[in-house]
Amino acid sequence: MTYARNEYIHGPPPSRITKYTAGLYRNDYTHELLLVPETDLQIRDVAIESARIAVNKMLTEKLNDKFYLEVTAHPHHVLRENKMIFGAHADRLQEGMRRAFGKPVGRAARVEAGEPVLRLLVYADGVAMGREALELAGKKLPKKYYVLVNQLVQSARA
């Protein structure tokens, strides 16, 4: 069970995501790519950070600063674990499921099917590279993902 309210938790762990954006934001990007899960799921903050680092590294090498990456899944839920001790004389320390509320061990983002985890803005020449980078990120996250490509409508400049 998870809680999103920090007031109820003594010593909630911090989120391990260091940055929620990467690249350079511009108003004239032509395409938006979204990494979307196929099912409802819960993603640990360390997995999201791993995916973000992989995408950022790949796109920085290939596209320089011609992209903008945004992490849209935020790990608000605090996960708890009832730690069990095993080994010699562990029976004197354990109480099994009695008072098994657990201690906070990490954070996770709850994501519904069709809700994007990562959002990437690129120009037309970077769509293939962006798709490849998001597919790599999907391999670092639990369950299966697909990449949506949307062409952005450019407003007429006066």
N, C-alpha and C. Protein backbone atom coordinates (compact mmCIF):
# COMPACT_ATOMS: atom_id res chain seq x y z
N MET A 1 0.84 -1.18 0.00
CA MET A 1 0.00 0.00 0.00
C MET A 1 0.89 1.24 0.00
N THR A 2 0.43 2.29 -0.64
CA THR A 2 1.24 3.50 -0.73
C THR A 2 0.45 4.70 -0.23
N TYR A 3 1.18 5.73 0.13
CA TYR A 3 0.57 6.99 0.53
C TYR A 3 1.20 8.11 -0.28
N ALA A 4 0.38 9.06 -0.68
CA ALA A 4 0.91 10.21 -1.40
C ALA A 4 1.10 11.41 -0.47
N ARG A 5 0.54 11.34 0.74
CA ARG A 5 0.63 12.46 1.67
C ARG A 5 1.83 12.28 2.59
N ASN A 6 2.80 13.17 2.49
CA ASN A 6 4.01 13.07 3.30
C ASN A 6 3.77 13.37 4.77
N GLU A 7 2.68 14.09 5.10
CA GLU A 7 2.43 14.45 6.49
C GLU A 7 2.21 13.21 7.36
N TYR A 8 1.73 12.13 6.75
CA TYR A 8 1.42 10.93 7.50
C TYR A 8 2.63 10.00 7.67
N ILE A 9 3.73 10.31 7.02
CA ILE A 9 4.87 9.40 6.99
C ILE A 9 6.04 10.04 7.72
N HIS A 10 6.61 9.28 8.66
CA HIS A 10 7.78 9.78 9.38
C HIS A 10 9.02 9.42 8.57
N GLY A 11 9.73 10.42 8.09
CA GLY A 11 10.96 10.21 7.32
C GLY A 11 10.74 9.63 5.94
N PRO A 12 9.90 10.29 5.09
CA PRO A 12 9.71 9.76 3.74
C PRO A 12 11.00 9.88 2.94
N PRO A 13 11.34 8.89 2.14
CA PRO A 13 12.58 8.97 1.35
C PRO A 13 12.44 10.00 0.24
N PRO A 14 13.53 10.68 -0.11
CA PRO A 14 13.46 11.65 -1.20
C PRO A 14 13.37 10.94 -2.55
N SER A 15 12.86 11.66 -3.55
CA SER A 15 12.81 11.12 -4.90
C SER A 15 14.23 11.07 -5.46
N ARG A 16 14.56 10.00 -6.18
CA ARG A 16 15.91 9.85 -6.72
C ARG A 16 16.03 10.42 -8.13
N ILE A 17 14.99 11.05 -8.63
CA ILE A 17 15.07 11.69 -9.94
C ILE A 17 15.73 13.05 -9.74
N THR A 18 16.88 13.25 -10.41
CA THR A 18 17.63 14.48 -10.18
C THR A 18 17.11 15.65 -10.99
N LYS A 19 16.69 15.39 -12.22
CA LYS A 19 16.15 16.46 -13.08
C LYS A 19 14.92 15.94 -13.79
N TYR A 20 13.95 16.80 -13.99
CA TYR A 20 12.74 16.41 -14.70
C TYR A 20 12.75 16.88 -16.15
N THR A 21 13.74 17.68 -16.53
CA THR A 21 13.85 18.14 -17.92
C THR A 21 15.30 18.01 -18.37
N ALA A 22 15.48 17.89 -19.68
CA ALA A 22 16.83 17.83 -20.25
C ALA A 22 16.77 18.43 -21.65
N GLY A 23 17.88 18.88 -22.15
CA GLY A 23 17.92 19.48 -23.48
C GLY A 23 17.61 20.96 -23.40
N LEU A 24 17.26 21.52 -24.55
CA LEU A 24 17.01 22.95 -24.66
C LEU A 24 15.59 23.18 -25.18
N TYR A 25 14.79 23.92 -24.43
CA TYR A 25 13.41 24.16 -24.86
C TYR A 25 13.37 25.28 -25.88
N ARG A 26 12.67 25.02 -26.98
CA ARG A 26 12.44 26.02 -28.02
C ARG A 26 10.97 25.95 -28.41
N ASN A 27 10.46 27.01 -28.99
CA ASN A 27 9.05 27.05 -29.42
C ASN A 27 8.82 26.45 -30.80
N ASP A 28 9.88 26.17 -31.56
CA ASP A 28 9.69 25.76 -32.95
C ASP A 28 9.94 24.27 -33.21
N TYR A 29 9.87 23.42 -32.18
CA TYR A 29 9.99 21.98 -32.43
C TYR A 29 8.80 21.50 -33.26
N THR A 30 9.05 20.54 -34.14
CA THR A 30 8.00 20.11 -35.07
C THR A 30 7.31 18.82 -34.64
N HIS A 31 7.97 17.99 -33.82
CA HIS A 31 7.39 16.70 -33.44
C HIS A 31 7.47 16.46 -31.94
N GLU A 32 6.44 15.78 -31.43
CA GLU A 32 6.38 15.39 -30.03
C GLU A 32 6.31 13.86 -29.99
N LEU A 33 7.20 13.25 -29.21
CA LEU A 33 7.20 11.80 -29.04
C LEU A 33 6.88 11.48 -27.59
N LEU A 34 5.99 10.52 -27.38
CA LEU A 34 5.56 10.15 -26.03
C LEU A 34 5.85 8.67 -25.79
N LEU A 35 6.41 8.35 -24.64
CA LEU A 35 6.60 6.96 -24.23
C LEU A 35 5.41 6.59 -23.34
N VAL A 36 4.57 5.67 -23.85
CA VAL A 36 3.28 5.37 -23.21
C VAL A 36 3.22 3.90 -22.82
N PRO A 37 2.82 3.57 -21.57
CA PRO A 37 2.69 2.16 -21.18
C PRO A 37 1.40 1.55 -21.73
N GLU A 38 1.44 0.23 -21.96
CA GLU A 38 0.27 -0.48 -22.47
C GLU A 38 -0.72 -0.82 -21.35
N THR A 39 -0.26 -0.89 -20.10
CA THR A 39 -1.12 -1.25 -18.98
C THR A 39 -0.91 -0.29 -17.81
N ASP A 40 -1.82 -0.34 -16.84
CA ASP A 40 -1.64 0.43 -15.61
C ASP A 40 -0.47 -0.19 -14.84
N LEU A 41 0.37 0.66 -14.27
CA LEU A 41 1.53 0.13 -13.55
C LEU A 41 2.07 1.12 -12.55
N GLN A 42 3.03 0.65 -11.78
CA GLN A 42 3.71 1.45 -10.78
C GLN A 42 5.20 1.39 -11.11
N ILE A 43 5.86 2.54 -11.23
CA ILE A 43 7.27 2.58 -11.62
C ILE A 43 8.08 3.21 -10.50
N ARG A 44 9.13 2.51 -10.07
CA ARG A 44 10.02 3.04 -9.04
C ARG A 44 10.77 4.25 -9.58
N ASP A 45 11.12 5.17 -8.69
CA ASP A 45 11.82 6.38 -9.09
C ASP A 45 13.20 6.09 -9.68
N VAL A 46 13.88 5.03 -9.21
CA VAL A 46 15.19 4.69 -9.74
C VAL A 46 15.09 4.22 -11.19
N ALA A 47 13.99 3.54 -11.55
CA ALA A 47 13.80 3.09 -12.93
C ALA A 47 13.55 4.27 -13.85
N ILE A 48 12.76 5.24 -13.39
CA ILE A 48 12.52 6.45 -14.20
C ILE A 48 13.82 7.22 -14.41
N GLU A 49 14.61 7.33 -13.35
CA GLU A 49 15.89 8.04 -13.47
C GLU A 49 16.84 7.32 -14.42
N SER A 50 16.86 6.00 -14.39
CA SER A 50 17.69 5.22 -15.30
C SER A 50 17.28 5.45 -16.75
N ALA A 51 15.98 5.46 -17.01
CA ALA A 51 15.47 5.70 -18.37
C ALA A 51 15.81 7.12 -18.82
N ARG A 52 15.66 8.09 -17.93
CA ARG A 52 15.96 9.49 -18.28
C ARG A 52 17.44 9.66 -18.64
N ILE A 53 18.32 9.05 -17.86
CA ILE A 53 19.76 9.15 -18.13
C ILE A 53 20.10 8.53 -19.47
N ALA A 54 19.51 7.37 -19.78
CA ALA A 54 19.80 6.68 -21.04
C ALA A 54 19.36 7.52 -22.24
N VAL A 55 18.15 8.09 -22.17
CA VAL A 55 17.65 8.92 -23.28
C VAL A 55 18.50 10.17 -23.44
N ASN A 56 18.79 10.83 -22.32
CA ASN A 56 19.56 12.07 -22.36
C ASN A 56 20.95 11.83 -22.94
N LYS A 57 21.60 10.75 -22.54
CA LYS A 57 22.95 10.45 -23.03
C LYS A 57 22.94 10.18 -24.54
N MET A 58 21.97 9.37 -24.98
CA MET A 58 21.89 9.02 -26.40
C MET A 58 21.59 10.24 -27.27
N LEU A 59 20.62 11.05 -26.84
CA LEU A 59 20.24 12.21 -27.66
C LEU A 59 21.27 13.33 -27.62
N THR A 60 21.98 13.47 -26.51
CA THR A 60 23.04 14.48 -26.44
C THR A 60 24.16 14.15 -27.41
N GLU A 61 24.49 12.85 -27.53
CA GLU A 61 25.53 12.43 -28.46
C GLU A 61 25.09 12.62 -29.92
N LYS A 62 23.84 12.27 -30.22
CA LYS A 62 23.38 12.26 -31.61
C LYS A 62 22.79 13.58 -32.08
N LEU A 63 22.00 14.25 -31.24
CA LEU A 63 21.28 15.46 -31.67
C LEU A 63 21.83 16.74 -31.07
N ASN A 64 22.85 16.65 -30.25
CA ASN A 64 23.42 17.82 -29.57
C ASN A 64 22.38 18.44 -28.64
N ASP A 65 21.97 19.68 -28.92
CA ASP A 65 20.96 20.33 -28.06
C ASP A 65 19.65 20.55 -28.81
N LYS A 66 19.39 19.76 -29.84
CA LYS A 66 18.18 19.93 -30.64
C LYS A 66 17.05 18.99 -30.17
N PHE A 67 16.85 18.94 -28.86
CA PHE A 67 15.76 18.14 -28.30
C PHE A 67 15.40 18.72 -26.94
N TYR A 68 14.22 18.35 -26.47
CA TYR A 68 13.78 18.71 -25.13
C TYR A 68 13.06 17.51 -24.54
N LEU A 69 13.58 16.98 -23.44
CA LEU A 69 13.02 15.80 -22.79
C LEU A 69 12.38 16.21 -21.48
N GLU A 70 11.20 15.67 -21.21
CA GLU A 70 10.48 15.99 -19.99
C GLU A 70 9.97 14.69 -19.35
N VAL A 71 10.23 14.52 -18.05
CA VAL A 71 9.70 13.38 -17.32
C VAL A 71 8.31 13.78 -16.82
N THR A 72 7.29 13.08 -17.29
CA THR A 72 5.92 13.46 -16.92
C THR A 72 5.37 12.61 -15.78
N ALA A 73 5.98 11.48 -15.47
CA ALA A 73 5.54 10.64 -14.36
C ALA A 73 6.29 11.06 -13.10
N HIS A 74 5.56 11.49 -12.08
CA HIS A 74 6.19 11.95 -10.85
C HIS A 74 5.98 10.93 -9.73
N PRO A 75 7.06 10.51 -9.07
CA PRO A 75 6.94 9.49 -8.01
C PRO A 75 6.47 10.10 -6.69
N HIS A 76 5.17 10.21 -6.52
CA HIS A 76 4.61 10.78 -5.29
C HIS A 76 4.37 9.73 -4.22
N HIS A 77 4.12 8.49 -4.61
CA HIS A 77 3.71 7.47 -3.66
C HIS A 77 4.92 6.89 -2.92
N VAL A 78 4.81 6.83 -1.61
CA VAL A 78 5.87 6.28 -0.77
C VAL A 78 5.58 4.80 -0.56
N LEU A 79 6.57 3.96 -0.86
CA LEU A 79 6.43 2.52 -0.70
C LEU A 79 6.94 2.10 0.67
N ARG A 80 6.27 1.10 1.26
CA ARG A 80 6.68 0.59 2.56
C ARG A 80 7.04 -0.89 2.45
N GLU A 81 7.91 -1.33 3.37
CA GLU A 81 8.29 -2.73 3.40
C GLU A 81 8.38 -3.20 4.84
N ASN A 82 7.79 -4.36 5.11
CA ASN A 82 7.93 -5.00 6.41
C ASN A 82 9.16 -5.89 6.34
N LYS A 83 10.29 -5.38 6.79
CA LYS A 83 11.54 -6.11 6.66
C LYS A 83 11.57 -7.30 7.61
N MET A 84 11.91 -8.44 7.04
CA MET A 84 11.98 -9.67 7.82
C MET A 84 13.44 -10.06 7.98
N ILE A 85 13.82 -10.41 9.19
CA ILE A 85 15.19 -10.83 9.47
C ILE A 85 15.22 -12.35 9.47
N PHE A 86 16.20 -12.93 8.80
CA PHE A 86 16.31 -14.38 8.80
C PHE A 86 17.71 -14.79 9.21
N GLY A 87 17.84 -16.03 9.58
CA GLY A 87 19.12 -16.53 10.04
C GLY A 87 18.99 -17.03 11.47
N ALA A 88 20.14 -17.22 12.12
CA ALA A 88 20.16 -17.75 13.47
C ALA A 88 19.52 -16.77 14.45
N HIS A 89 18.66 -17.25 15.31
CA HIS A 89 17.99 -16.48 16.36
C HIS A 89 17.08 -15.37 15.82
N ALA A 90 16.67 -15.48 14.58
CA ALA A 90 15.79 -14.46 14.01
C ALA A 90 14.38 -14.57 14.60
N ASP A 91 14.04 -15.75 15.12
CA ASP A 91 12.69 -15.94 15.65
C ASP A 91 12.43 -15.06 16.87
N ARG A 92 13.47 -14.62 17.54
CA ARG A 92 13.27 -13.75 18.71
C ARG A 92 13.00 -12.31 18.31
N LEU A 93 13.36 -11.95 17.08
CA LEU A 93 13.19 -10.56 16.63
C LEU A 93 11.94 -10.36 15.79
N GLN A 94 11.50 -11.39 15.09
CA GLN A 94 10.38 -11.24 14.18
C GLN A 94 9.05 -11.39 14.89
N GLU A 95 8.05 -10.72 14.34
CA GLU A 95 6.70 -10.90 14.82
C GLU A 95 5.78 -11.28 13.67
N GLY A 96 6.34 -11.64 12.54
CA GLY A 96 5.53 -12.06 11.39
C GLY A 96 4.66 -10.93 10.87
N MET A 97 3.36 -11.18 10.77
CA MET A 97 2.45 -10.17 10.24
C MET A 97 1.83 -9.31 11.35
N ARG A 98 2.23 -9.51 12.58
CA ARG A 98 1.73 -8.66 13.66
C ARG A 98 2.41 -7.29 13.56
N ARG A 99 1.65 -6.23 13.56
CA ARG A 99 2.15 -4.85 13.40
C ARG A 99 3.06 -4.73 12.17
N ALA A 100 2.55 -5.17 11.02
CA ALA A 100 3.36 -5.26 9.80
C ALA A 100 3.19 -4.03 8.92
N PHE A 101 3.05 -2.85 9.50
CA PHE A 101 2.82 -1.64 8.70
C PHE A 101 4.02 -1.33 7.80
N GLY A 102 5.22 -1.55 8.24
CA GLY A 102 6.40 -1.37 7.40
C GLY A 102 7.01 0.01 7.49
N LYS A 103 8.24 0.08 7.02
CA LYS A 103 8.98 1.35 7.01
C LYS A 103 9.09 1.86 5.57
N PRO A 104 9.17 3.18 5.38
CA PRO A 104 9.30 3.70 4.02
C PRO A 104 10.63 3.28 3.39
N VAL A 105 10.58 2.74 2.18
CA VAL A 105 11.79 2.26 1.51
C VAL A 105 12.06 2.96 0.18
N GLY A 106 11.07 3.60 -0.40
CA GLY A 106 11.29 4.23 -1.70
C GLY A 106 10.04 4.93 -2.19
N ARG A 107 10.14 5.43 -3.41
CA ARG A 107 9.01 6.13 -4.03
C ARG A 107 8.68 5.50 -5.36
N ALA A 108 7.44 5.69 -5.79
CA ALA A 108 6.99 5.16 -7.07
C ALA A 108 5.97 6.10 -7.68
N ALA A 109 5.88 6.04 -9.00
CA ALA A 109 4.87 6.79 -9.74
C ALA A 109 3.81 5.81 -10.21
N ARG A 110 2.56 6.13 -9.98
CA ARG A 110 1.47 5.31 -10.50
C ARG A 110 1.08 5.88 -11.84
N VAL A 111 1.14 5.04 -12.87
CA VAL A 111 0.87 5.49 -14.24
C VAL A 111 -0.24 4.62 -14.82
N GLU A 112 -1.21 5.26 -15.44
CA GLU A 112 -2.30 4.53 -16.08
C GLU A 112 -1.96 4.27 -17.54
N ALA A 113 -2.60 3.28 -18.12
CA ALA A 113 -2.39 2.97 -19.54
C ALA A 113 -2.77 4.18 -20.38
N GLY A 114 -1.92 4.54 -21.32
CA GLY A 114 -2.18 5.69 -22.19
C GLY A 114 -1.66 7.01 -21.64
N GLU A 115 -1.17 7.03 -20.42
CA GLU A 115 -0.62 8.24 -19.81
C GLU A 115 0.90 8.24 -20.03
N PRO A 116 1.48 9.28 -20.63
CA PRO A 116 2.91 9.24 -20.97
C PRO A 116 3.82 9.28 -19.75
N VAL A 117 4.94 8.58 -19.86
CA VAL A 117 5.97 8.58 -18.82
C VAL A 117 7.04 9.61 -19.18
N LEU A 118 7.45 9.64 -20.46
CA LEU A 118 8.43 10.60 -20.96
C LEU A 118 7.85 11.33 -22.17
N ARG A 119 8.19 12.61 -22.29
CA ARG A 119 7.75 13.43 -23.43
C ARG A 119 9.00 14.03 -24.07
N LEU A 120 9.12 13.89 -25.37
CA LEU A 120 10.30 14.35 -26.09
C LEU A 120 9.88 15.25 -27.23
N LEU A 121 10.49 16.42 -27.34
CA LEU A 121 10.25 17.35 -28.45
C LEU A 121 11.50 17.39 -29.33
N VAL A 122 11.31 17.19 -30.64
CA VAL A 122 12.43 17.20 -31.59
C VAL A 122 11.99 17.84 -32.89
N TYR A 123 12.97 18.08 -33.75
CA TYR A 123 12.70 18.52 -35.12
C TYR A 123 12.46 17.29 -36.00
N ALA A 124 12.03 17.51 -37.23
CA ALA A 124 11.68 16.40 -38.13
C ALA A 124 12.85 15.46 -38.37
N ASP A 125 14.08 15.98 -38.45
CA ASP A 125 15.24 15.13 -38.72
C ASP A 125 15.66 14.30 -37.51
N GLY A 126 15.10 14.56 -36.33
CA GLY A 126 15.47 13.82 -35.13
C GLY A 126 14.41 12.83 -34.66
N VAL A 127 13.35 12.64 -35.46
CA VAL A 127 12.26 11.76 -35.04
C VAL A 127 12.73 10.31 -34.92
N ALA A 128 13.48 9.81 -35.89
CA ALA A 128 13.95 8.43 -35.87
C ALA A 128 14.87 8.19 -34.67
N MET A 129 15.76 9.12 -34.42
CA MET A 129 16.68 9.01 -33.29
C MET A 129 15.92 9.09 -31.97
N GLY A 130 14.93 9.96 -31.90
CA GLY A 130 14.12 10.10 -30.69
C GLY A 130 13.32 8.84 -30.41
N ARG A 131 12.77 8.23 -31.45
CA ARG A 131 12.01 6.99 -31.30
C ARG A 131 12.93 5.89 -30.76
N GLU A 132 14.13 5.81 -31.31
CA GLU A 132 15.11 4.80 -30.87
C GLU A 132 15.49 5.01 -29.40
N ALA A 133 15.67 6.28 -29.01
CA ALA A 133 16.04 6.58 -27.62
C ALA A 133 14.90 6.24 -26.66
N LEU A 134 13.66 6.52 -27.04
CA LEU A 134 12.53 6.20 -26.17
C LEU A 134 12.30 4.69 -26.08
N GLU A 135 12.57 3.96 -27.17
CA GLU A 135 12.46 2.51 -27.12
C GLU A 135 13.51 1.93 -26.17
N LEU A 136 14.70 2.52 -26.14
CA LEU A 136 15.74 2.12 -25.19
C LEU A 136 15.28 2.39 -23.76
N ALA A 137 14.65 3.54 -23.55
CA ALA A 137 14.14 3.88 -22.21
C ALA A 137 13.07 2.90 -21.77
N GLY A 138 12.23 2.47 -22.70
CA GLY A 138 11.17 1.51 -22.38
C GLY A 138 11.71 0.18 -21.89
N LYS A 139 12.92 -0.18 -22.33
CA LYS A 139 13.54 -1.42 -21.88
C LYS A 139 14.06 -1.32 -20.45
N LYS A 140 14.22 -0.12 -19.95
CA LYS A 140 14.70 0.08 -18.58
C LYS A 140 13.55 0.22 -17.59
N LEU A 141 12.34 0.22 -18.09
CA LEU A 141 11.15 0.37 -17.25
C LEU A 141 10.35 -0.93 -17.23
N PRO A 142 9.53 -1.15 -16.19
CA PRO A 142 8.74 -2.39 -16.14
C PRO A 142 7.61 -2.40 -17.16
N LYS A 143 7.19 -3.59 -17.57
CA LYS A 143 6.09 -3.84 -18.51
C LYS A 143 6.44 -3.38 -19.93
N LYS A 144 5.40 -3.26 -20.80
CA LYS A 144 5.63 -2.91 -22.21
C LYS A 144 5.17 -1.50 -22.52
N TYR A 145 5.85 -0.87 -23.50
CA TYR A 145 5.58 0.51 -23.87
C TYR A 145 5.52 0.63 -25.39
N TYR A 146 4.89 1.71 -25.84
CA TYR A 146 4.92 2.06 -27.25
C TYR A 146 5.20 3.55 -27.37
N VAL A 147 5.68 3.96 -28.54
CA VAL A 147 6.04 5.35 -28.76
C VAL A 147 5.01 5.99 -29.68
N LEU A 148 4.41 7.08 -29.22
CA LEU A 148 3.47 7.86 -30.04
C LEU A 148 4.22 9.04 -30.65
N VAL A 149 4.03 9.27 -31.92
CA VAL A 149 4.64 10.42 -32.60
C VAL A 149 3.55 11.36 -33.05
N ASN A 150 3.60 12.59 -32.57
CA ASN A 150 2.63 13.63 -32.95
C ASN A 150 3.36 14.76 -33.65
N GLN A 151 2.77 15.24 -34.74
CA GLN A 151 3.33 16.41 -35.41
C GLN A 151 2.69 17.64 -34.78
N LEU A 152 3.52 18.57 -34.33
CA LEU A 152 3.02 19.78 -33.69
C LEU A 152 2.61 20.81 -34.74
N VAL A 153 1.52 21.49 -34.48
CA VAL A 153 1.04 22.53 -35.39
C VAL A 153 1.77 23.82 -35.06
N GLN A 154 2.42 24.38 -36.05
CA GLN A 154 3.14 25.62 -35.87
C GLN A 154 2.20 26.80 -36.08
N SER A 155 2.18 27.71 -35.13
CA SER A 155 1.31 28.90 -35.28
C SER A 155 1.96 29.85 -36.27
N ALA A 156 1.11 30.51 -37.03
CA ALA A 156 1.60 31.48 -38.02
C ALA A 156 2.17 32.70 -37.31
N ARG A 157 3.39 33.06 -37.69
CA ARG A 157 4.04 34.21 -37.03
C ARG A 157 3.77 35.46 -37.84
N ALA A 158 3.45 36.51 -37.14
CA ALA A 158 3.13 37.78 -37.82
C ALA A 158 4.35 38.63 -37.98
